[in-house]
Amino acid sequence: MKKILYLALACLALSHSPAVLAGFPIPPAPSFNAKSWVLLDARTGQILAQEHPNQHLAPASLTKLMVAYITFTALHTGAIHLGEQFTISPAAWRTGGSRMFLNPGSQVSVNDLLKGLIVDSGNDAAVALSQAIAGTRGAMVGLMNRYARKLGLHNTHYEDVDGLPAPDHYSSALDIARLSQAIIRQYPSDYHRYFGIKTFTWDHITQNNRVSLLWMDPWVDGLKTGYTKQAGFCMDASGHQGGMRLIAVVMGAPSWDARVDDAQALLNWGFSFFHDHRLYGAKQPLAKVSVWMGAHDEVKVGLARSLWVSVPRLDYRSLRIRMQLPKSLTAPFGTNQPAGILRVELNGHLLASRTLHPLIPVQKGSWLSRLIDSIERAF
């Protein structure tokens, strides 16, 4: 049997909230002539705006985000190194579409291949990196699908490494946003080192980053674009303001300008009308739970990590917290023991759900205290 506690947010969160705006309603999210789009808060993981977020669509060169993610993973595990040079194969050189203009037989570093992949959207760079990391393009595709499952990208399946049209090669706007979130969270230094580069020169050929928002919006610092006739025009853009980072993904826009305008509109709307708010800190005591058979009669419970939520600026006072707590915990247990659920709701909609944990481990009590607890439980 569990007891359910309803707590007004004012007692813990609103005491540190900014003033509530009044008299200016938040307009609805922008709508576009694209197949699908998502606006994601990178810190909280909340979806702020969406249209067909899980629709299977051709991702075009947004495919290369997974190649970049796996390359960063290989770098951080020591499997490869930035300065390491690899020989460019004829297969990489022959790859069509957008190119870095690699020459077969030449030696190119991982650092330069990453720039060619991200800035130039080079299909040849994607093939070269795939061969360097996995040996073959087929093996790299296998890795890409394995990492997609690991990251929970349930609406993504890869058939190639460059995004050229292929049967059963698809992703979704939400999966692209989640993958971008993983890159930013897990490899922030690599993200900032590569995705914000505006131009790259290789073999006397200078190409501009296709994310034109890098020039138009000072807050935007990545990520990627894509285009094929099948996919339409795609844009994956991320920006930050005031400690808040958003990711806007637009897929299947009708033109280059449309994808730019759509992504910009999503980012502007999100930054204008939403705010990241920290409700509780890591290890902050939130409640107490009785303990049976333990060295303590009760234990404080809280969250393993700080809890942030994305909140419309007009709706702070509409937030509600619900905690579901067990009637008791039986010792011994450690701090990984689940000890209830905390839910954050806004106007009846669930914003976040987190598991509560004991803030300290509790060992078994003395034989006498355990005997007393056994007698009390029996009655």
Protein backbone atom coordinates (compact mmCIF):
# COMPACT_ATOMS: atom_id res chain seq x y z
CA MET A 1 0.00 0.00 0.00
CA LYS A 2 1.33 3.42 -0.87
CA LYS A 3 0.46 6.85 0.40
CA ILE A 4 0.20 9.66 -2.14
CA LEU A 5 1.31 13.15 -1.21
CA TYR A 6 0.25 16.23 -3.15
CA LEU A 7 2.53 19.19 -2.54
CA ALA A 8 2.10 22.74 -3.77
CA LEU A 9 5.15 23.72 -5.72
CA ALA A 10 5.31 27.09 -4.01
CA CYS A 11 6.82 25.61 -0.88
CA LEU A 12 10.00 24.43 -2.64
CA ALA A 13 10.21 25.82 -6.15
CA LEU A 14 8.22 29.04 -6.51
CA SER A 15 10.15 30.66 -3.69
CA HIS A 16 12.99 31.01 -6.22
CA SER A 17 10.89 31.56 -9.36
CA PRO A 18 11.01 34.71 -11.47
CA ALA A 19 7.99 36.97 -11.40
CA VAL A 20 5.00 35.66 -13.32
CA LEU A 21 4.23 37.66 -16.45
CA ALA A 22 0.68 38.89 -16.79
CA GLY A 23 -1.56 40.08 -19.57
CA PHE A 24 0.33 38.52 -22.49
CA PRO A 25 -0.80 35.05 -23.54
CA ILE A 26 1.69 32.70 -25.15
CA PRO A 27 0.88 32.25 -28.85
CA PRO A 28 0.64 28.74 -30.30
CA ALA A 29 3.79 27.13 -31.64
CA PRO A 30 4.72 27.99 -35.23
CA SER A 31 3.36 25.80 -38.02
CA PHE A 32 5.07 25.15 -41.35
CA ASN A 33 4.75 23.54 -44.74
CA ALA A 34 7.21 20.78 -43.79
CA LYS A 35 6.64 17.08 -43.26
CA SER A 36 7.74 17.00 -39.62
CA TRP A 37 9.36 19.12 -36.94
CA VAL A 38 10.34 19.10 -33.27
CA LEU A 39 11.55 21.67 -30.76
CA LEU A 40 13.38 19.96 -27.88
CA ASP A 41 14.81 21.40 -24.67
CA ALA A 42 18.31 19.89 -24.54
CA ARG A 43 18.60 19.97 -20.74
CA THR A 44 15.16 18.69 -19.71
CA GLY A 45 14.42 16.55 -22.76
CA GLN A 46 10.92 18.04 -22.99
CA ILE A 47 9.27 18.51 -26.37
CA LEU A 48 8.05 22.11 -26.62
CA ALA A 49 6.60 21.90 -30.14
CA GLN A 50 6.02 19.04 -32.54
CA GLU A 51 4.32 17.90 -35.72
CA HIS A 52 4.53 14.22 -36.71
CA PRO A 53 7.64 13.81 -34.50
CA ASN A 54 7.90 10.03 -34.98
CA GLN A 55 7.15 9.85 -38.71
CA HIS A 56 9.66 7.74 -40.64
CA LEU A 57 11.38 10.03 -43.14
CA ALA A 58 14.52 10.00 -45.25
CA PRO A 59 17.14 11.86 -43.17
CA ALA A 60 19.54 12.72 -46.01
CA SER A 61 22.82 14.07 -44.56
CA LEU A 62 21.41 14.20 -41.04
CA THR A 63 22.57 10.57 -41.16
CA LYS A 64 26.09 11.92 -40.61
CA LEU A 65 25.17 12.95 -37.06
CA MET A 66 25.42 9.29 -36.08
CA VAL A 67 28.77 8.96 -37.85
CA ALA A 68 29.97 11.97 -35.84
CA TYR A 69 28.59 10.50 -32.59
CA ILE A 70 30.37 7.18 -33.14
CA THR A 71 33.58 8.97 -34.11
CA PHE A 72 33.47 11.01 -30.89
CA THR A 73 32.84 7.79 -28.94
CA ALA A 74 35.82 6.12 -30.61
CA LEU A 75 38.01 9.13 -29.77
CA HIS A 76 36.99 9.14 -26.12
CA THR A 77 37.57 5.39 -25.74
CA GLY A 78 41.01 5.68 -27.35
CA ALA A 79 40.12 3.50 -30.33
CA ILE A 80 41.31 6.28 -32.64
CA HIS A 81 43.08 9.62 -32.14
CA LEU A 82 42.53 13.05 -33.67
CA GLY A 83 45.97 13.19 -35.25
CA GLU A 84 45.83 9.64 -36.56
CA GLN A 85 46.04 9.47 -40.36
CA PHE A 86 44.13 7.08 -42.58
CA THR A 87 44.55 6.23 -46.25
CA ILE A 88 41.64 7.34 -48.43
CA SER A 89 40.20 4.41 -50.37
CA PRO A 90 38.92 4.51 -53.96
CA ALA A 91 35.46 3.72 -52.55
CA ALA A 92 35.49 6.90 -50.45
CA TRP A 93 36.79 8.94 -53.39
CA ARG A 94 34.06 7.63 -55.71
CA THR A 95 31.19 8.48 -53.32
CA GLY A 96 28.76 10.87 -54.98
CA GLY A 97 26.84 13.85 -53.63
CA SER A 98 28.34 16.51 -51.37
CA ARG A 99 32.06 16.00 -50.95
CA MET A 100 35.15 17.09 -49.06
CA PHE A 101 37.11 16.31 -52.27
CA LEU A 102 39.41 13.69 -50.85
CA ASN A 103 42.02 12.13 -53.12
CA PRO A 104 42.46 8.33 -53.26
CA GLY A 105 45.65 7.12 -51.65
CA SER A 106 46.16 10.33 -49.66
CA GLN A 107 46.68 10.35 -45.89
CA VAL A 108 44.11 12.41 -43.93
CA SER A 109 43.78 12.88 -40.17
CA VAL A 110 40.66 12.13 -38.16
CA ASN A 111 40.56 15.82 -37.23
CA ASP A 112 40.31 16.89 -40.87
CA LEU A 113 37.86 14.13 -41.72
CA LEU A 114 35.56 15.33 -38.94
CA LYS A 115 35.68 18.86 -40.34
CA GLY A 116 34.92 17.52 -43.80
CA LEU A 117 32.06 15.46 -42.42
CA ILE A 118 30.43 18.24 -40.39
CA VAL A 119 31.28 21.47 -42.25
CA ASP A 120 31.36 20.20 -45.85
CA SER A 121 28.81 17.43 -45.26
CA GLY A 122 31.25 15.27 -47.18
CA ASN A 123 29.94 11.87 -48.19
CA ASP A 124 33.52 10.88 -48.94
CA ALA A 125 34.52 11.89 -45.40
CA ALA A 126 31.67 9.77 -44.00
CA VAL A 127 32.91 6.72 -45.89
CA ALA A 128 36.54 7.36 -44.90
CA LEU A 129 35.68 7.69 -41.21
CA SER A 130 33.51 4.58 -41.38
CA GLN A 131 36.34 2.55 -42.86
CA ALA A 132 38.79 3.94 -40.30
CA ILE A 133 36.55 3.05 -37.35
CA ALA A 134 34.76 -0.12 -38.42
CA GLY A 135 36.79 -1.43 -41.37
CA THR A 136 33.94 -1.35 -43.87
CA ARG A 137 30.85 0.71 -44.56
CA GLY A 138 28.66 -2.32 -43.80
CA ALA A 139 30.25 -2.81 -40.41
CA MET A 140 29.78 0.89 -39.64
CA VAL A 141 26.10 0.67 -40.55
CA GLY A 142 25.81 -2.18 -38.06
CA LEU A 143 27.40 0.02 -35.39
CA MET A 144 25.09 2.89 -36.26
CA ASN A 145 21.99 0.73 -35.79
CA ARG A 146 23.38 -0.68 -32.55
CA TYR A 147 23.95 2.82 -31.15
CA ALA A 148 20.51 3.89 -32.36
CA ARG A 149 18.97 1.14 -30.22
CA LYS A 150 21.22 2.02 -27.29
CA LEU A 151 20.12 5.67 -27.46
CA GLY A 152 16.46 4.73 -27.71
CA LEU A 153 16.03 5.97 -31.28
CA HIS A 154 13.11 3.67 -32.00
CA ASN A 155 12.14 5.29 -35.30
CA THR A 156 15.58 5.15 -36.91
CA HIS A 157 17.17 2.54 -39.15
CA TYR A 158 20.34 3.03 -41.17
CA GLU A 159 21.26 1.44 -44.50
CA ASP A 160 24.25 3.66 -45.34
CA VAL A 161 26.67 6.10 -43.71
CA ASP A 162 26.14 9.17 -45.89
CA GLY A 163 22.37 9.59 -46.21
CA LEU A 164 22.12 8.93 -49.93
CA PRO A 165 18.72 7.37 -50.75
CA ALA A 166 18.45 3.70 -49.81
CA PRO A 167 15.55 1.33 -49.11
CA ASP A 168 14.65 1.09 -45.41
CA HIS A 169 16.89 4.04 -44.49
CA TYR A 170 14.90 6.37 -42.26
CA SER A 171 14.79 8.43 -39.11
CA SER A 172 12.38 10.86 -37.43
CA ALA A 173 12.52 14.45 -36.27
CA LEU A 174 12.39 13.39 -32.62
CA ASP A 175 15.14 10.80 -33.05
CA ILE A 176 17.35 13.39 -34.77
CA ALA A 177 16.74 15.76 -31.85
CA ARG A 178 17.53 13.03 -29.30
CA LEU A 179 20.73 12.11 -31.14
CA SER A 180 21.75 15.78 -31.22
CA GLN A 181 21.02 16.00 -27.49
CA ALA A 182 23.28 12.99 -26.88
CA ILE A 183 26.14 14.58 -28.85
CA ILE A 184 25.85 17.84 -26.92
CA ARG A 185 25.53 16.17 -23.52
CA GLN A 186 28.13 13.44 -23.85
CA TYR A 187 30.73 15.21 -25.98
CA PRO A 188 30.35 18.96 -25.34
CA SER A 189 33.97 19.83 -26.16
CA ASP A 190 33.79 17.98 -29.50
CA TYR A 191 30.45 19.59 -30.26
CA HIS A 192 31.83 23.09 -29.74
CA ARG A 193 35.08 22.28 -31.54
CA TYR A 194 33.45 21.13 -34.79
CA PHE A 195 29.80 22.06 -35.21
CA GLY A 196 30.31 25.80 -34.95
CA ILE A 197 32.98 25.98 -37.70
CA LYS A 198 31.67 28.27 -40.44
CA THR A 199 34.16 27.50 -43.23
CA PHE A 200 36.70 24.79 -43.96
CA THR A 201 39.40 24.70 -46.62
CA TRP A 202 40.73 21.39 -47.91
CA ASP A 203 43.06 20.97 -50.89
CA HIS A 204 42.60 24.67 -51.75
CA ILE A 205 38.81 24.30 -51.85
CA THR A 206 36.88 26.39 -49.30
CA GLN A 207 33.32 25.42 -48.42
CA ASN A 208 30.82 27.11 -46.11
CA ASN A 209 28.94 25.29 -43.40
CA ARG A 210 25.43 24.67 -44.74
CA VAL A 211 23.88 25.64 -41.38
CA SER A 212 23.38 29.25 -42.49
CA LEU A 213 21.92 30.14 -39.08
CA LEU A 214 25.53 30.19 -37.85
CA TRP A 215 25.83 33.52 -39.66
CA MET A 216 22.31 34.78 -38.97
CA ASP A 217 21.82 34.04 -35.26
CA PRO A 218 24.63 34.65 -32.74
CA TRP A 219 23.12 32.09 -30.37
CA VAL A 220 23.17 29.19 -32.87
CA ASP A 221 26.28 26.96 -32.75
CA GLY A 222 25.31 23.82 -34.75
CA LEU A 223 24.32 21.20 -35.97
CA LYS A 224 23.57 19.89 -39.51
CA THR A 225 21.53 20.13 -42.71
CA GLY A 226 20.50 17.60 -45.31
CA TYR A 227 18.91 17.43 -48.73
CA THR A 228 17.92 14.83 -51.28
CA LYS A 229 14.98 14.88 -53.64
CA GLN A 230 13.33 12.18 -51.56
CA ALA A 231 14.01 13.83 -48.18
CA GLY A 232 13.39 17.45 -49.11
CA PHE A 233 15.25 20.15 -47.21
CA CYS A 234 16.17 19.25 -43.61
CA MET A 235 17.65 21.34 -40.82
CA ASP A 236 18.87 20.42 -37.34
CA ALA A 237 19.85 23.58 -35.43
CA SER A 238 20.77 24.18 -31.81
CA GLY A 239 21.20 27.43 -29.93
CA HIS A 240 21.47 28.69 -26.37
CA GLN A 241 20.25 31.73 -24.49
CA GLY A 242 20.35 32.52 -20.80
CA GLY A 243 21.49 29.06 -19.82
CA MET A 244 18.78 27.36 -21.88
CA ARG A 245 19.62 25.24 -24.95
CA LEU A 246 17.07 24.27 -27.59
CA ILE A 247 17.27 21.88 -30.55
CA ALA A 248 15.04 22.52 -33.57
CA VAL A 249 14.65 19.81 -36.22
CA VAL A 250 12.75 20.43 -39.46
CA MET A 251 12.38 17.61 -42.00
CA GLY A 252 10.92 17.72 -45.47
CA ALA A 253 10.76 21.49 -45.92
CA PRO A 254 9.99 22.64 -49.49
CA SER A 255 13.07 24.84 -49.94
CA TRP A 256 16.45 25.88 -48.53
CA ASP A 257 15.01 29.17 -47.25
CA ALA A 258 11.99 27.44 -45.71
CA ARG A 259 14.08 25.09 -43.59
CA VAL A 260 16.16 28.04 -42.34
CA ASP A 261 13.12 30.18 -41.56
CA ASP A 262 11.28 27.28 -39.91
CA ALA A 263 14.17 26.35 -37.63
CA GLN A 264 14.72 30.01 -36.71
CA ALA A 265 11.03 30.46 -35.91
CA LEU A 266 11.02 27.43 -33.62
CA LEU A 267 14.10 28.62 -31.74
CA ASN A 268 12.77 32.17 -31.39
CA TRP A 269 9.41 30.94 -30.12
CA GLY A 270 11.02 28.62 -27.58
CA PHE A 271 13.42 31.19 -26.19
CA SER A 272 10.71 33.85 -26.05
CA PHE A 273 8.10 31.90 -24.15
CA PHE A 274 9.83 29.15 -22.16
CA HIS A 275 12.31 29.03 -19.33
CA ASP A 276 14.38 26.23 -17.76
CA HIS A 277 13.68 26.01 -14.05
CA ARG A 278 15.51 23.92 -11.46
CA LEU A 279 12.97 22.45 -9.09
CA TYR A 280 15.21 20.36 -6.85
CA GLY A 281 18.92 19.79 -6.41
CA ALA A 282 20.66 16.44 -6.37
CA LYS A 283 20.51 14.75 -2.95
CA GLN A 284 18.08 17.40 -1.67
CA PRO A 285 15.84 15.87 1.05
CA LEU A 286 12.26 15.84 -0.25
CA ALA A 287 10.46 13.44 2.11
CA LYS A 288 10.97 10.81 4.80
CA VAL A 289 10.09 7.11 4.64
CA SER A 290 9.79 4.76 7.61
CA VAL A 291 12.40 1.99 7.89
CA TRP A 292 11.78 -1.56 9.17
CA MET A 293 14.51 -3.76 10.57
CA GLY A 294 17.08 -0.99 10.22
CA ALA A 295 19.61 0.94 12.22
CA HIS A 296 17.41 4.02 11.64
CA ASP A 297 13.66 4.40 12.09
CA GLU A 298 13.31 6.54 8.97
CA VAL A 299 15.36 7.74 6.03
CA LYS A 300 15.29 10.89 3.93
CA VAL A 301 14.70 10.41 0.19
CA GLY A 302 15.54 12.60 -2.78
CA LEU A 303 16.74 12.63 -6.39
CA ALA A 304 20.06 11.32 -7.66
CA ARG A 305 20.38 14.29 -10.06
CA SER A 306 19.02 17.82 -10.14
CA LEU A 307 15.57 18.09 -11.68
CA TRP A 308 14.98 20.78 -14.30
CA VAL A 309 11.75 21.41 -16.18
CA SER A 310 10.88 23.61 -19.15
CA VAL A 311 7.99 25.85 -18.17
CA PRO A 312 5.95 28.41 -20.12
CA ARG A 313 6.76 31.76 -18.58
CA LEU A 314 3.12 32.40 -17.64
CA ASP A 315 2.51 29.05 -15.99
CA TYR A 316 4.87 28.71 -13.01
CA ARG A 317 2.04 28.80 -10.51
CA SER A 318 0.20 26.05 -12.36
CA LEU A 319 2.95 23.50 -11.63
CA ARG A 320 2.09 20.72 -9.22
CA ILE A 321 4.27 18.05 -7.61
CA ARG A 322 3.02 14.56 -6.75
CA MET A 323 5.12 12.10 -4.78
CA GLN A 324 4.22 8.44 -4.42
CA LEU A 325 6.03 6.99 -1.41
CA PRO A 326 6.09 3.44 -0.08
CA LYS A 327 4.69 2.95 3.39
CA SER A 328 8.12 1.72 4.50
CA LEU A 329 11.48 0.33 3.36
CA THR A 330 13.02 -2.82 4.80
CA ALA A 331 16.73 -2.70 5.69
CA PRO A 332 19.35 -3.28 4.59
CA PHE A 333 19.37 -1.10 1.46
CA GLY A 334 21.68 1.30 -0.35
CA THR A 335 21.19 4.60 -2.10
CA ASN A 336 20.26 2.87 -5.37
CA GLN A 337 17.13 1.41 -3.79
CA PRO A 338 13.96 2.87 -5.41
CA ALA A 339 12.01 4.74 -2.75
CA GLY A 340 9.08 6.29 -4.57
CA ILE A 341 8.23 8.35 -7.62
CA LEU A 342 8.16 12.12 -8.05
CA ARG A 343 5.96 13.53 -10.81
CA VAL A 344 5.79 17.09 -12.09
CA GLU A 345 2.54 18.14 -13.75
CA LEU A 346 1.45 21.30 -15.54
CA ASN A 347 -2.27 21.82 -16.09
CA GLY A 348 -2.82 18.08 -15.82
CA HIS A 349 -0.01 17.15 -18.24
CA LEU A 350 3.02 15.17 -17.04
CA LEU A 351 6.27 17.12 -17.51
CA ALA A 352 8.68 14.84 -15.68
CA SER A 353 8.74 11.61 -13.69
CA ARG A 354 11.75 10.64 -11.58
CA THR A 355 12.60 7.84 -9.15
CA LEU A 356 13.32 8.82 -5.55
CA HIS A 357 16.18 7.15 -3.66
CA PRO A 358 17.37 7.01 -0.03
CA LEU A 359 19.99 9.67 0.61
CA ILE A 360 22.01 7.36 2.87
CA PRO A 361 22.42 3.58 3.04
CA VAL A 362 20.73 1.89 5.99
CA GLN A 363 22.13 -1.27 7.56
CA LYS A 364 20.27 -3.89 9.54
CA GLY A 365 19.38 -2.87 13.08
CA SER A 366 20.33 -4.74 16.24
CA TRP A 367 18.62 -8.04 16.98
CA LEU A 368 16.52 -6.29 19.62
CA SER A 369 15.31 -3.53 17.32
CA ARG A 370 14.53 -6.08 14.61
CA LEU A 371 12.57 -8.15 17.13
CA ILE A 372 10.55 -5.11 18.15
CA ASP A 373 9.87 -4.26 14.49
CA SER A 374 8.76 -7.83 13.83
CA ILE A 375 6.31 -7.72 16.73
CA GLU A 376 4.95 -4.34 15.63
CA ARG A 377 4.52 -5.54 12.03
CA ALA A 378 2.69 -8.64 13.24
CA PHE A 379 0.09 -6.48 14.95
